[in-house]
């Protein structure tokens, strides 16, 4: 398959670049080794913020009396906290997947390596 633009990685720089190239009329593919959104969305920034929000809510419940609200014996459900964090990340990754389809961007799961100007070596599926 021939592409005008191939983006390596679908993190916070990759997927907007792929979308913009597609909007400009280019035939675009994006190569991702794991999950759309990259490390930031799937394992770093976004899940961490979800975990911090759960901690903040727990802290509020422990001090709810300061706000005139009584909460009896709050406790943390760590598996539930993790499930929520993963759910937030998965939902956002699915949003990026939707944007790829909407913008007619081919998603190739695998690895790619730029070996020379205009020359990409693939490590996944022999598409290039």
N, C-alpha and C. Protein backbone atom coordinates (compact mmCIF):
# COMPACT_ATOMS: atom_id res chain seq x y z
N UNK A 1 0.84 -1.17 0.00
CA UNK A 1 0.00 0.00 0.00
C UNK A 1 0.89 1.24 0.00
N UNK A 2 0.56 2.23 -0.76
CA UNK A 2 1.34 3.47 -0.84
C UNK A 2 0.67 4.56 -0.01
N UNK A 3 1.49 5.26 0.76
CA UNK A 3 1.01 6.34 1.61
C UNK A 3 1.80 7.60 1.32
N UNK A 4 1.15 8.74 1.47
CA UNK A 4 1.84 10.02 1.41
C UNK A 4 2.55 10.29 2.72
N UNK A 5 1.91 9.89 3.83
CA UNK A 5 2.45 10.13 5.17
C UNK A 5 2.24 8.88 6.01
N UNK A 6 3.31 8.46 6.69
CA UNK A 6 3.21 7.39 7.68
C UNK A 6 3.73 7.96 9.00
N UNK A 7 2.89 7.91 10.01
CA UNK A 7 3.25 8.44 11.33
C UNK A 7 3.60 7.27 12.23
N UNK A 8 4.75 7.34 12.86
CA UNK A 8 5.18 6.30 13.81
C UNK A 8 4.77 6.74 15.21
N UNK A 9 3.84 6.03 15.79
CA UNK A 9 3.39 6.33 17.14
C UNK A 9 2.12 7.16 17.14
N UNK A 10 1.19 6.78 18.02
CA UNK A 10 -0.10 7.46 18.07
C UNK A 10 -0.29 8.22 19.37
N UNK A 11 0.82 8.71 19.92
CA UNK A 11 0.73 9.50 21.15
C UNK A 11 0.20 10.90 20.89
N UNK A 12 0.37 11.80 21.85
CA UNK A 12 -0.21 13.14 21.74
C UNK A 12 0.38 13.99 20.61
N UNK A 13 1.48 13.57 20.02
CA UNK A 13 2.01 14.25 18.84
C UNK A 13 1.64 13.53 17.56
N UNK A 14 1.60 12.21 17.62
CA UNK A 14 1.38 11.39 16.43
C UNK A 14 -0.03 11.44 15.88
N UNK A 15 -1.02 11.21 16.73
CA UNK A 15 -2.36 11.14 16.17
C UNK A 15 -2.87 12.48 15.66
N UNK A 16 -2.55 13.63 16.30
CA UNK A 16 -2.98 14.90 15.68
C UNK A 16 -2.26 15.16 14.35
N UNK A 17 -1.00 14.75 14.26
CA UNK A 17 -0.27 14.93 12.99
C UNK A 17 -0.92 14.10 11.88
N UNK A 18 -1.32 12.87 12.20
CA UNK A 18 -1.97 12.01 11.22
C UNK A 18 -3.31 12.61 10.79
N UNK A 19 -4.06 13.11 11.74
CA UNK A 19 -5.36 13.72 11.42
C UNK A 19 -5.17 14.93 10.52
N UNK A 20 -4.21 15.78 10.86
CA UNK A 20 -4.00 16.99 10.05
C UNK A 20 -3.55 16.64 8.64
N UNK A 21 -2.66 15.69 8.50
CA UNK A 21 -2.21 15.27 7.17
C UNK A 21 -3.40 14.76 6.36
N UNK A 22 -4.27 14.00 6.99
CA UNK A 22 -5.45 13.50 6.30
C UNK A 22 -6.38 14.64 5.89
N UNK A 23 -6.54 15.61 6.77
CA UNK A 23 -7.38 16.77 6.46
C UNK A 23 -6.83 17.57 5.28
N UNK A 24 -5.52 17.49 5.10
CA UNK A 24 -4.88 18.18 3.98
C UNK A 24 -4.89 17.35 2.70
N UNK A 25 -5.59 16.22 2.73
CA UNK A 25 -5.77 15.41 1.53
C UNK A 25 -4.74 14.33 1.30
N UNK A 26 -3.92 14.05 2.28
CA UNK A 26 -2.89 13.02 2.14
C UNK A 26 -3.44 11.64 2.50
N UNK A 27 -2.88 10.60 1.87
CA UNK A 27 -3.18 9.22 2.23
C UNK A 27 -2.27 8.89 3.41
N UNK A 28 -2.88 8.56 4.57
CA UNK A 28 -2.13 8.49 5.82
C UNK A 28 -2.30 7.13 6.49
N UNK A 29 -1.20 6.67 7.08
CA UNK A 29 -1.21 5.50 7.96
C UNK A 29 -0.52 5.90 9.26
N UNK A 30 -0.94 5.26 10.32
CA UNK A 30 -0.29 5.47 11.61
C UNK A 30 0.11 4.10 12.13
N UNK A 31 1.34 3.98 12.62
CA UNK A 31 1.86 2.71 13.12
C UNK A 31 1.93 2.81 14.64
N UNK A 32 1.32 1.86 15.32
CA UNK A 32 1.31 1.86 16.79
C UNK A 32 1.61 0.45 17.28
N UNK A 33 2.49 0.34 18.25
CA UNK A 33 2.89 -0.98 18.73
C UNK A 33 1.93 -1.57 19.76
N UNK A 34 1.14 -0.76 20.44
CA UNK A 34 0.28 -1.33 21.47
C UNK A 34 -1.15 -0.83 21.40
N UNK A 35 -1.40 0.36 21.93
CA UNK A 35 -2.76 0.90 21.99
C UNK A 35 -2.76 2.33 21.48
N UNK A 36 -3.78 2.68 20.72
CA UNK A 36 -3.87 4.05 20.22
C UNK A 36 -3.87 5.03 21.38
N UNK A 37 -3.10 6.08 21.23
CA UNK A 37 -2.94 7.07 22.28
C UNK A 37 -1.56 7.04 22.91
N UNK A 38 -0.84 5.96 22.68
CA UNK A 38 0.53 5.86 23.18
C UNK A 38 0.62 5.69 24.69
N UNK A 39 1.82 5.86 25.19
CA UNK A 39 2.10 5.67 26.61
C UNK A 39 1.36 6.68 27.47
N UNK A 40 1.34 7.94 27.07
CA UNK A 40 0.71 8.99 27.86
C UNK A 40 -0.75 8.64 28.16
N UNK A 41 -1.49 8.34 27.13
CA UNK A 41 -2.91 8.09 27.31
C UNK A 41 -3.17 6.76 28.01
N UNK A 42 -2.44 5.73 27.68
CA UNK A 42 -2.76 4.39 28.16
C UNK A 42 -2.11 4.01 29.49
N UNK A 43 -0.94 4.54 29.80
CA UNK A 43 -0.23 4.11 31.01
C UNK A 43 0.34 5.25 31.84
N UNK A 44 0.45 6.44 31.27
CA UNK A 44 1.11 7.54 31.97
C UNK A 44 0.16 8.58 32.49
N UNK A 45 0.09 9.68 31.79
CA UNK A 45 -0.61 10.88 32.25
C UNK A 45 -2.08 10.64 32.60
N UNK A 46 -2.83 10.07 31.68
CA UNK A 46 -4.28 9.96 31.86
C UNK A 46 -4.65 8.98 32.98
N UNK A 47 -4.12 7.76 32.99
CA UNK A 47 -4.46 6.87 34.12
C UNK A 47 -4.00 7.44 35.47
N UNK A 48 -2.86 8.12 35.48
CA UNK A 48 -2.36 8.72 36.72
C UNK A 48 -3.33 9.79 37.22
N UNK A 49 -3.83 10.62 36.31
CA UNK A 49 -4.80 11.65 36.71
C UNK A 49 -6.08 11.01 37.24
N UNK A 50 -6.50 9.91 36.63
CA UNK A 50 -7.70 9.21 37.12
C UNK A 50 -7.46 8.66 38.53
N UNK A 51 -6.27 8.12 38.78
CA UNK A 51 -5.94 7.62 40.12
C UNK A 51 -5.90 8.76 41.13
N UNK A 52 -5.32 9.89 40.74
CA UNK A 52 -5.27 11.04 41.64
C UNK A 52 -6.66 11.57 41.96
N UNK A 53 -7.56 11.55 40.98
CA UNK A 53 -8.93 12.00 41.22
C UNK A 53 -9.62 11.09 42.23
N UNK A 54 -9.41 9.78 42.11
CA UNK A 54 -9.99 8.85 43.09
C UNK A 54 -9.44 9.13 44.49
N UNK A 55 -8.15 9.40 44.58
CA UNK A 55 -7.54 9.73 45.88
C UNK A 55 -8.14 11.02 46.44
N UNK A 56 -8.38 12.00 45.57
CA UNK A 56 -8.96 13.26 45.99
C UNK A 56 -10.39 13.05 46.53
N UNK A 57 -11.18 12.26 45.82
CA UNK A 57 -12.55 11.98 46.25
C UNK A 57 -12.53 11.25 47.60
N UNK A 58 -11.61 10.30 47.76
CA UNK A 58 -11.48 9.59 49.03
C UNK A 58 -11.13 10.56 50.15
N UNK A 59 -10.21 11.45 49.88
CA UNK A 59 -9.81 12.44 50.89
C UNK A 59 -10.99 13.33 51.26
N UNK A 60 -11.77 13.74 50.27
CA UNK A 60 -12.98 14.55 50.55
C UNK A 60 -13.94 13.79 51.46
N UNK A 61 -14.16 12.50 51.18
CA UNK A 61 -15.10 11.75 52.00
C UNK A 61 -14.61 11.61 53.44
N UNK A 62 -13.28 11.47 53.60
CA UNK A 62 -12.73 11.37 54.95
C UNK A 62 -12.94 12.65 55.74
N UNK A 63 -13.03 13.79 55.04
CA UNK A 63 -13.20 15.08 55.70
C UNK A 63 -14.56 15.69 55.36
N UNK A 64 -15.52 14.85 55.03
CA UNK A 64 -16.83 15.34 54.62
C UNK A 64 -17.53 16.12 55.73
N UNK A 65 -17.24 15.77 56.98
CA UNK A 65 -17.87 16.47 58.12
C UNK A 65 -17.52 17.96 58.09
N UNK A 66 -16.33 18.29 57.59
CA UNK A 66 -15.92 19.69 57.47
C UNK A 66 -16.84 20.46 56.52
N UNK A 67 -17.54 19.73 55.66
CA UNK A 67 -18.43 20.34 54.68
C UNK A 67 -19.90 20.20 55.08
N UNK A 68 -20.13 19.69 56.29
CA UNK A 68 -21.49 19.50 56.76
C UNK A 68 -22.15 18.24 56.24
N UNK A 69 -21.36 17.28 55.82
CA UNK A 69 -21.88 16.04 55.27
C UNK A 69 -21.31 14.88 56.08
N UNK A 70 -22.17 13.94 56.42
CA UNK A 70 -21.72 12.79 57.18
C UNK A 70 -21.60 11.58 56.26
N UNK A 71 -20.41 11.01 56.24
CA UNK A 71 -20.15 9.78 55.49
C UNK A 71 -19.58 8.79 56.51
N UNK A 72 -20.28 7.69 56.68
CA UNK A 72 -19.87 6.71 57.68
C UNK A 72 -18.74 5.84 57.16
N UNK A 73 -17.62 5.87 57.83
CA UNK A 73 -16.50 4.96 57.61
C UNK A 73 -16.11 4.75 56.14
N UNK A 74 -15.62 5.78 55.48
CA UNK A 74 -15.21 5.59 54.07
C UNK A 74 -14.02 4.64 53.98
N UNK A 75 -14.01 3.84 52.92
CA UNK A 75 -12.88 2.94 52.68
C UNK A 75 -12.59 2.91 51.19
N UNK A 76 -11.36 2.58 50.86
CA UNK A 76 -10.94 2.55 49.46
C UNK A 76 -11.05 1.13 48.91
N UNK A 77 -11.59 1.02 47.71
CA UNK A 77 -11.68 -0.25 46.99
C UNK A 77 -10.62 -0.17 45.89
N UNK A 78 -9.41 -0.63 46.18
CA UNK A 78 -8.31 -0.47 45.23
C UNK A 78 -8.56 -1.15 43.88
N UNK A 79 -9.11 -2.36 43.84
CA UNK A 79 -9.43 -2.92 42.51
C UNK A 79 -10.43 -2.04 41.74
N UNK A 80 -11.39 -1.44 42.45
CA UNK A 80 -12.34 -0.54 41.81
C UNK A 80 -11.68 0.73 41.29
N UNK A 81 -10.73 1.25 42.06
CA UNK A 81 -9.98 2.44 41.64
C UNK A 81 -9.20 2.14 40.35
N UNK A 82 -8.54 1.00 40.32
CA UNK A 82 -7.77 0.61 39.13
C UNK A 82 -8.70 0.38 37.94
N UNK A 83 -9.83 -0.27 38.18
CA UNK A 83 -10.80 -0.51 37.10
C UNK A 83 -11.27 0.81 36.51
N UNK A 84 -11.55 1.79 37.36
CA UNK A 84 -11.97 3.10 36.86
C UNK A 84 -10.86 3.75 36.04
N UNK A 85 -9.64 3.70 36.53
CA UNK A 85 -8.51 4.30 35.82
C UNK A 85 -8.33 3.67 34.45
N UNK A 86 -8.38 2.33 34.38
CA UNK A 86 -8.24 1.63 33.10
C UNK A 86 -9.40 1.98 32.17
N UNK A 87 -10.60 2.11 32.74
CA UNK A 87 -11.78 2.45 31.94
C UNK A 87 -11.66 3.82 31.30
N UNK A 88 -11.14 4.79 32.06
CA UNK A 88 -10.94 6.14 31.52
C UNK A 88 -9.97 6.08 30.34
N UNK A 89 -8.85 5.39 30.51
CA UNK A 89 -7.86 5.28 29.44
C UNK A 89 -8.42 4.55 28.23
N UNK A 90 -9.13 3.46 28.46
CA UNK A 90 -9.70 2.69 27.35
C UNK A 90 -10.71 3.50 26.56
N UNK A 91 -11.53 4.26 27.26
CA UNK A 91 -12.53 5.11 26.59
C UNK A 91 -11.85 6.15 25.69
N UNK A 92 -10.78 6.74 26.20
CA UNK A 92 -10.07 7.74 25.40
C UNK A 92 -9.37 7.11 24.21
N UNK A 93 -8.81 5.92 24.39
CA UNK A 93 -8.16 5.22 23.28
C UNK A 93 -9.18 4.89 22.19
N UNK A 94 -10.37 4.48 22.60
CA UNK A 94 -11.44 4.21 21.63
C UNK A 94 -11.85 5.49 20.89
N UNK A 95 -11.76 6.62 21.58
CA UNK A 95 -12.04 7.91 20.94
C UNK A 95 -11.04 8.21 19.84
N UNK A 96 -9.78 7.89 20.07
CA UNK A 96 -8.75 8.09 19.05
C UNK A 96 -8.99 7.12 17.90
N UNK A 97 -9.39 5.90 18.21
CA UNK A 97 -9.71 4.92 17.17
C UNK A 97 -10.84 5.45 16.28
N UNK A 98 -11.85 6.05 16.88
CA UNK A 98 -12.95 6.66 16.13
C UNK A 98 -12.43 7.77 15.22
N UNK A 99 -11.53 8.61 15.75
CA UNK A 99 -10.98 9.71 14.94
C UNK A 99 -10.17 9.18 13.76
N UNK A 100 -9.48 8.06 13.94
CA UNK A 100 -8.72 7.48 12.84
C UNK A 100 -9.67 7.02 11.73
N UNK A 101 -10.76 6.36 12.10
CA UNK A 101 -11.74 5.91 11.11
C UNK A 101 -12.41 7.10 10.43
N UNK A 102 -12.80 8.08 11.22
CA UNK A 102 -13.48 9.27 10.70
C UNK A 102 -12.62 9.99 9.67
N UNK A 103 -11.31 10.01 9.91
CA UNK A 103 -10.38 10.72 9.02
C UNK A 103 -9.73 9.80 7.99
N UNK A 104 -10.23 8.56 7.87
CA UNK A 104 -9.75 7.59 6.88
C UNK A 104 -8.25 7.33 6.98
N UNK A 105 -7.78 7.17 8.21
CA UNK A 105 -6.37 6.88 8.48
C UNK A 105 -6.24 5.39 8.76
N UNK A 106 -5.35 4.72 8.03
CA UNK A 106 -5.10 3.30 8.26
C UNK A 106 -4.26 3.14 9.53
N UNK A 107 -4.73 2.29 10.42
CA UNK A 107 -4.00 1.99 11.65
C UNK A 107 -3.30 0.66 11.46
N UNK A 108 -1.99 0.67 11.60
CA UNK A 108 -1.19 -0.54 11.45
C UNK A 108 -0.57 -0.85 12.81
N UNK A 109 -0.93 -2.00 13.35
CA UNK A 109 -0.40 -2.40 14.64
C UNK A 109 0.95 -3.08 14.41
N UNK A 110 1.99 -2.51 14.99
CA UNK A 110 3.32 -3.06 14.83
C UNK A 110 4.38 -2.02 15.09
N UNK A 111 5.56 -2.22 14.53
CA UNK A 111 6.71 -1.34 14.72
C UNK A 111 7.18 -0.84 13.36
N UNK A 112 7.71 0.35 13.33
CA UNK A 112 8.33 0.87 12.13
C UNK A 112 9.60 1.61 12.51
N UNK A 113 10.50 1.73 11.55
CA UNK A 113 11.77 2.40 11.81
C UNK A 113 12.15 3.17 10.56
N UNK A 114 12.45 4.45 10.71
CA UNK A 114 12.90 5.28 9.60
C UNK A 114 14.37 4.96 9.36
N UNK A 115 14.69 4.44 8.16
CA UNK A 115 16.06 4.01 7.88
C UNK A 115 16.77 4.95 6.92
N UNK A 116 16.02 5.77 6.18
CA UNK A 116 16.59 6.75 5.26
C UNK A 116 15.45 7.70 4.88
N UNK A 117 15.77 8.86 4.34
CA UNK A 117 14.69 9.76 3.92
C UNK A 117 13.72 9.05 2.97
N UNK A 118 12.45 9.05 3.36
CA UNK A 118 11.43 8.42 2.54
C UNK A 118 11.42 6.91 2.58
N UNK A 119 12.21 6.30 3.46
CA UNK A 119 12.33 4.83 3.53
C UNK A 119 12.03 4.36 4.94
N UNK A 120 11.00 3.54 5.05
CA UNK A 120 10.57 3.02 6.35
C UNK A 120 10.72 1.51 6.34
N UNK A 121 11.35 1.00 7.38
CA UNK A 121 11.48 -0.45 7.56
C UNK A 121 10.41 -0.88 8.55
N UNK A 122 9.64 -1.88 8.17
CA UNK A 122 8.60 -2.33 9.07
C UNK A 122 9.04 -3.57 9.83
N UNK A 123 8.43 -3.72 10.97
CA UNK A 123 8.71 -4.87 11.82
C UNK A 123 7.41 -5.56 12.21
N UNK A 124 6.42 -5.44 11.33
CA UNK A 124 5.14 -6.00 11.74
C UNK A 124 4.49 -6.84 10.65
N UNK A 125 4.29 -6.25 9.50
CA UNK A 125 3.34 -6.91 8.61
C UNK A 125 3.63 -6.71 7.12
N UNK A 126 4.72 -6.12 6.78
CA UNK A 126 5.10 -5.93 5.37
C UNK A 126 4.08 -5.13 4.57
N UNK A 127 3.63 -4.04 5.13
CA UNK A 127 2.70 -3.15 4.43
C UNK A 127 3.39 -2.09 3.61
N UNK A 128 4.64 -1.76 3.97
CA UNK A 128 5.29 -0.59 3.35
C UNK A 128 6.15 -1.02 2.16
